[in-house]
């Protein structure tokens, strides 16, 4: 739970809570396996894991709710908005423009919520 909280802040707990009445086991696996085992492994820093995760979710397509969570997580572990945007732009080459566009619009939503858009800075 500590790693999940470090990466996703309150968002991780909201996901686990949302699963409590339908699939508490999936919530448990997210905490125990995904964040307790995989995210906590040595070898990649949390920010690097988020770069990889953003690329994979973009490549899969149709994962905008998970992109919302992981774009927030990327910011939480030290990626800048510019790095997130650059990673999503880079994904257009390998994933296609429609998937990169959808991911970028997810980033725009997260940035707006966090008041990180250029228009929000003024």
C-alpha atoms as a PDB file:
ATOM      1  CA  UNK A   1       0.000   0.000   0.000  1.00  0.00           C
ATOM      2  CA  UNK A   2       2.957   2.284   0.694  1.00  0.00           C
ATOM      3  CA  UNK A   3       4.222   2.049  -2.906  1.00  0.00           C
ATOM      4  CA  UNK A   4       0.707   2.494  -4.294  1.00  0.00           C
ATOM      5  CA  UNK A   5       0.266   5.632  -2.176  1.00  0.00           C
ATOM      6  CA  UNK A   6       3.678   6.984  -3.193  1.00  0.00           C
ATOM      7  CA  UNK A   7       2.918   6.521  -6.877  1.00  0.00           C
ATOM      8  CA  UNK A   8      -0.798   7.204  -7.108  1.00  0.00           C
ATOM      9  CA  UNK A   9      -1.533   9.267  -4.021  1.00  0.00           C
ATOM     10  CA  UNK A  10      -5.236   9.168  -3.171  1.00  0.00           C
ATOM     11  CA  UNK A  11      -6.078   7.898  -6.666  1.00  0.00           C
ATOM     12  CA  UNK A  12      -4.800   4.417  -5.891  1.00  0.00           C
ATOM     13  CA  UNK A  13      -6.956   4.095  -2.809  1.00  0.00           C
ATOM     14  CA  UNK A  14      -9.979   5.314  -4.801  1.00  0.00           C
ATOM     15  CA  UNK A  15      -9.429   2.506  -7.333  1.00  0.00           C
ATOM     16  CA  UNK A  16      -9.161  -0.102  -4.572  1.00  0.00           C
ATOM     17  CA  UNK A  17     -12.262   1.318  -2.855  1.00  0.00           C
ATOM     18  CA  UNK A  18     -14.211   1.301  -6.134  1.00  0.00           C
ATOM     19  CA  UNK A  19     -13.519  -2.431  -6.461  1.00  0.00           C
ATOM     20  CA  UNK A  20     -14.574  -3.316  -2.909  1.00  0.00           C
ATOM     21  CA  UNK A  21     -18.175  -4.200  -3.779  1.00  0.00           C
ATOM     22  CA  UNK A  22     -17.507  -5.952  -7.088  1.00  0.00           C
ATOM     23  CA  UNK A  23     -14.012  -7.486  -6.986  1.00  0.00           C
ATOM     24  CA  UNK A  24     -12.115  -6.937  -3.765  1.00  0.00           C
ATOM     25  CA  UNK A  25      -9.643  -9.580  -4.944  1.00  0.00           C
ATOM     26  CA  UNK A  26      -8.695  -7.433  -7.941  1.00  0.00           C
ATOM     27  CA  UNK A  27      -8.101  -4.537  -5.544  1.00  0.00           C
ATOM     28  CA  UNK A  28      -5.946  -6.829  -3.414  1.00  0.00           C
ATOM     29  CA  UNK A  29      -3.933  -7.952  -6.453  1.00  0.00           C
ATOM     30  CA  UNK A  30      -3.343  -4.350  -7.524  1.00  0.00           C
ATOM     31  CA  UNK A  31      -1.927  -3.587  -4.086  1.00  0.00           C
ATOM     32  CA  UNK A  32      -0.092  -6.866  -3.436  1.00  0.00           C
ATOM     33  CA  UNK A  33       1.146  -7.854  -6.878  1.00  0.00           C
ATOM     34  CA  UNK A  34       1.268  -4.808  -9.121  1.00  0.00           C
ATOM     35  CA  UNK A  35       2.569  -2.379  -6.494  1.00  0.00           C
ATOM     36  CA  UNK A  36       3.857  -4.695  -3.770  1.00  0.00           C
ATOM     37  CA  UNK A  37       5.863  -6.920  -6.089  1.00  0.00           C
ATOM     38  CA  UNK A  38       6.366  -5.327  -9.508  1.00  0.00           C
ATOM     39  CA  UNK A  39       6.511  -1.581  -8.826  1.00  0.00           C
ATOM     40  CA  UNK A  40       8.675  -2.176  -5.746  1.00  0.00           C
ATOM     41  CA  UNK A  41      11.364  -4.147  -7.594  1.00  0.00           C
ATOM     42  CA  UNK A  42      14.832  -2.664  -7.872  1.00  0.00           C
ATOM     43  CA  UNK A  43      16.143  -2.032 -11.352  1.00  0.00           C
ATOM     44  CA  UNK A  44      13.876   0.800 -12.489  1.00  0.00           C
ATOM     45  CA  UNK A  45      13.083   3.985 -10.655  1.00  0.00           C
ATOM     46  CA  UNK A  46       9.392   4.771 -10.156  1.00  0.00           C
ATOM     47  CA  UNK A  47       9.594   7.614 -12.714  1.00  0.00           C
ATOM     48  CA  UNK A  48      11.021   5.178 -15.299  1.00  0.00           C
ATOM     49  CA  UNK A  49       8.263   2.677 -14.562  1.00  0.00           C
ATOM     50  CA  UNK A  50       5.742   5.446 -15.211  1.00  0.00           C
ATOM     51  CA  UNK A  51       7.366   6.248 -18.577  1.00  0.00           C
ATOM     52  CA  UNK A  52       6.988   2.587 -19.527  1.00  0.00           C
ATOM     53  CA  UNK A  53       3.414   2.448 -18.220  1.00  0.00           C
ATOM     54  CA  UNK A  54       2.371   5.549 -20.169  1.00  0.00           C
ATOM     55  CA  UNK A  55       3.783   4.042 -23.346  1.00  0.00           C
ATOM     56  CA  UNK A  56       2.040   0.717 -22.844  1.00  0.00           C
ATOM     57  CA  UNK A  57      -1.331   2.233 -21.969  1.00  0.00           C
ATOM     58  CA  UNK A  58      -1.064   4.472 -25.018  1.00  0.00           C
ATOM     59  CA  UNK A  59      -0.186   1.487 -27.214  1.00  0.00           C
ATOM     60  CA  UNK A  60      -3.130  -0.527 -25.907  1.00  0.00           C
ATOM     61  CA  UNK A  61      -5.613   2.241 -26.612  1.00  0.00           C
ATOM     62  CA  UNK A  62      -8.965   2.529 -24.877  1.00  0.00           C
ATOM     63  CA  UNK A  63      -7.227   2.925 -21.519  1.00  0.00           C
ATOM     64  CA  UNK A  64      -7.969   6.582 -20.889  1.00  0.00           C
ATOM     65  CA  UNK A  65      -9.214   6.068 -17.296  1.00  0.00           C
ATOM     66  CA  UNK A  66      -5.971   4.241 -16.492  1.00  0.00           C
ATOM     67  CA  UNK A  67      -3.992   6.923 -18.325  1.00  0.00           C
ATOM     68  CA  UNK A  68      -5.625   9.521 -16.046  1.00  0.00           C
ATOM     69  CA  UNK A  69      -4.367   7.604 -13.017  1.00  0.00           C
ATOM     70  CA  UNK A  70      -0.897   7.022 -14.433  1.00  0.00           C
ATOM     71  CA  UNK A  71      -0.384  10.539 -15.780  1.00  0.00           C
ATOM     72  CA  UNK A  72      -1.120  11.745 -12.258  1.00  0.00           C
ATOM     73  CA  UNK A  73       1.248   9.073 -10.973  1.00  0.00           C
ATOM     74  CA  UNK A  74       3.963  10.186 -13.407  1.00  0.00           C
ATOM     75  CA  UNK A  75       3.694  13.713 -12.051  1.00  0.00           C
ATOM     76  CA  UNK A  76       3.696  12.385  -8.481  1.00  0.00           C
ATOM     77  CA  UNK A  77       7.010  10.551  -8.997  1.00  0.00           C
ATOM     78  CA  UNK A  78       8.815  13.449 -10.616  1.00  0.00           C
ATOM     79  CA  UNK A  79       8.047  13.563 -14.325  1.00  0.00           C
ATOM     80  CA  UNK A  80       7.335  17.047 -15.579  1.00  0.00           C
ATOM     81  CA  UNK A  81       4.321  17.853 -17.734  1.00  0.00           C
ATOM     82  CA  UNK A  82       6.758  18.497 -20.589  1.00  0.00           C
ATOM     83  CA  UNK A  83       8.272  15.011 -20.192  1.00  0.00           C
ATOM     84  CA  UNK A  84       4.808  13.423 -20.196  1.00  0.00           C
ATOM     85  CA  UNK A  85       3.842  15.323 -23.356  1.00  0.00           C
ATOM     86  CA  UNK A  86       7.137  14.403 -25.041  1.00  0.00           C
ATOM     87  CA  UNK A  87       6.676  10.722 -24.168  1.00  0.00           C
ATOM     88  CA  UNK A  88       3.159  10.780 -25.628  1.00  0.00           C
ATOM     89  CA  UNK A  89       4.388  12.569 -28.746  1.00  0.00           C
ATOM     90  CA  UNK A  90       7.117   9.938 -29.124  1.00  0.00           C
ATOM     91  CA  UNK A  91       4.468   7.213 -28.855  1.00  0.00           C
ATOM     92  CA  UNK A  92       2.799   8.499 -32.035  1.00  0.00           C
ATOM     93  CA  UNK A  93       5.646   6.972 -34.064  1.00  0.00           C
ATOM     94  CA  UNK A  94       5.125   3.496 -32.614  1.00  0.00           C
ATOM     95  CA  UNK A  95       1.453   3.486 -31.562  1.00  0.00           C
ATOM     96  CA  UNK A  96      -0.130   5.719 -34.181  1.00  0.00           C
ATOM     97  CA  UNK A  97      -1.443   9.240 -34.075  1.00  0.00           C
ATOM     98  CA  UNK A  98      -4.995   8.365 -32.919  1.00  0.00           C
ATOM     99  CA  UNK A  99      -3.710   6.563 -29.809  1.00  0.00           C
ATOM    100  CA  UNK A 100      -1.169   9.304 -29.086  1.00  0.00           C
ATOM    101  CA  UNK A 101      -3.910  11.905 -29.533  1.00  0.00           C
ATOM    102  CA  UNK A 102      -6.215  10.114 -27.088  1.00  0.00           C
ATOM    103  CA  UNK A 103      -3.389   9.826 -24.542  1.00  0.00           C
ATOM    104  CA  UNK A 104      -2.483  13.495 -24.998  1.00  0.00           C
ATOM    105  CA  UNK A 105      -6.083  14.524 -24.405  1.00  0.00           C
ATOM    106  CA  UNK A 106      -6.040  12.440 -21.201  1.00  0.00           C
ATOM    107  CA  UNK A 107      -2.907  14.358 -20.193  1.00  0.00           C
ATOM    108  CA  UNK A 108      -4.626  17.644 -20.985  1.00  0.00           C
ATOM    109  CA  UNK A 109      -7.501  16.668 -18.667  1.00  0.00           C
ATOM    110  CA  UNK A 110      -5.114  15.755 -15.839  1.00  0.00           C
ATOM    111  CA  UNK A 111      -3.026  18.896 -16.355  1.00  0.00           C
ATOM    112  CA  UNK A 112      -6.181  21.032 -16.285  1.00  0.00           C
ATOM    113  CA  UNK A 113      -7.320  19.371 -13.045  1.00  0.00           C
ATOM    114  CA  UNK A 114      -3.895  20.076 -11.542  1.00  0.00           C
ATOM    115  CA  UNK A 115      -3.777  23.604 -13.022  1.00  0.00           C
ATOM    116  CA  UNK A 116      -0.669  22.801 -15.056  1.00  0.00           C
ATOM    117  CA  UNK A 117      -1.803  24.057 -18.460  1.00  0.00           C
ATOM    118  CA  UNK A 118      -0.133  27.202 -19.776  1.00  0.00           C
ATOM    119  CA  UNK A 119      -3.485  29.034 -19.710  1.00  0.00           C
ATOM    120  CA  UNK A 120      -3.928  28.007 -16.062  1.00  0.00           C
ATOM    121  CA  UNK A 121      -0.558  29.438 -15.035  1.00  0.00           C
ATOM    122  CA  UNK A 122      -1.597  33.048 -15.655  1.00  0.00           C
END
